[in-house]
Amino acid sequence: PEDPLKTGLLYSRYIFQFSFAATSTTIVSGSLAMRCRFPVYCIYSFYAVIVYAFVAHWVWAKDGWLAQLGVHDFAGSGAVSLLGAMNGLIGVSMLGPRLGRFDDSRPPSDFKPSSPATILFGLFMLWWGWIGFNCGSSFGITEDKWLVATRAGVSTINATAGGGLAALLYTTVTSRGAVVFPHEIANGMLGALVAITATCASVHTYAALIIGFIGSLAALASNELILRCHLDDPVGAVGVHGASALWGLAAVGLFADGELPGIQVANGLFCGGSARLLGVQMLLAVSIIGWSLVTMLPFFYLLGMAFSRRCDFRSVRAGLRVDPRDEVLGLDHVMHSTDPRSRKPTVIQMELEDSESSCKLGL
């Protein structure tokens, strides 16, 4: 007969890992927003779960090769966030920027965040969920697990405080004190959360302030660099989940304290340990980056070719993107029938309409 206890534990781990896989997958949706075909993203979502499963096994399974080396990624800075960020970066490179993003054919106002209130509302939803995300990675409250869960919760909150302070300083300095950008505050705090995700159970709560502070700056600075490279990531997901995750993995090798109750990890450099743990953490980062490149570059290429006309290998980008007219009108209007009439026509939209009129007149 089936053992109910074993079945319950199996189901709990399944739903927990399923939520992790879904989280890693949805990171990419922000990077590909406003120009990716809906079927392309749906197919990616199923495929990304398979890609995630390999990394999760390496890190958290008892026989995972990285786990056997002593890697420590408590709640998924690497396995969840870094993998999602790398997949997003590859997707951004394959799709290309939104129309008019870098060629001045549309005004800069078209690409500014449109709803600060919604951004901050989403931030608070994520912040609250992240506490459960990190605390829940203790998988229970029996024996010493409650010590791990509470320490993870306090570290998560402290890191967000440090990240919020860093983001406030960053946006104040970059705007020369003129304005405070809500999207930068939100991304800075999310970067802090990503950074503390790997370390929340293995560091002292005061160290979380430092980890969050640096994680926030890493997210904001890397997003600025990505923009300068003309890579169009509408929500800044690559910087938040990529650069901050790299810092979070490195922070384990620096701040981890193996003497803390309920957790098994080697000491980091700042707690009297050797550089071995830091090296293993960086090996995890390199492995995830390499795995993403190997699995996602061919995937997006073949998928773009499949959706292009006549499976043309030279039209991969066109196969991944929506029709230019749909993109300019807005996918909310095209797919959900929202009213676009309040939007002023852009240069691209007028050119497309002129071209369409000329074709109808036979010119």
Foldseek 3Di string as FASTA:
>chain_A
DDDPVVVVVVVVVVVLLVVLLQQLLCLLCLQCPLWFDPVLSVVSSVVSSVLLVLLCCLCPPPPRVLVVLFAFQQQPLQSRQQLSLLLNLLVLVLQAAFPCPPPVLFDPVVQDDDDLVVLVVVLVVVLVVLLCSQLCSLVDCPDCSVVLSVQLNLLLVLLLVLQLVLLQVVQCVVVVNPDRDSLLSSLSSLQSSSLCSRPSRFAGSVVSSVLSNVSSVQQVVVLVVCVVVRRGRSSSSNRSSHRSSLSSLLVCQAGGDCPDPPDHHAGHPPNPGDNSNNVSSVVSSVVSSVSSCVPNNVSLQQQLLVQDPPSDSVRSNVSGTDDSLCSQQTVCCVPVVDDSVVDDRTSVNVVVVVVVVCVVVVD
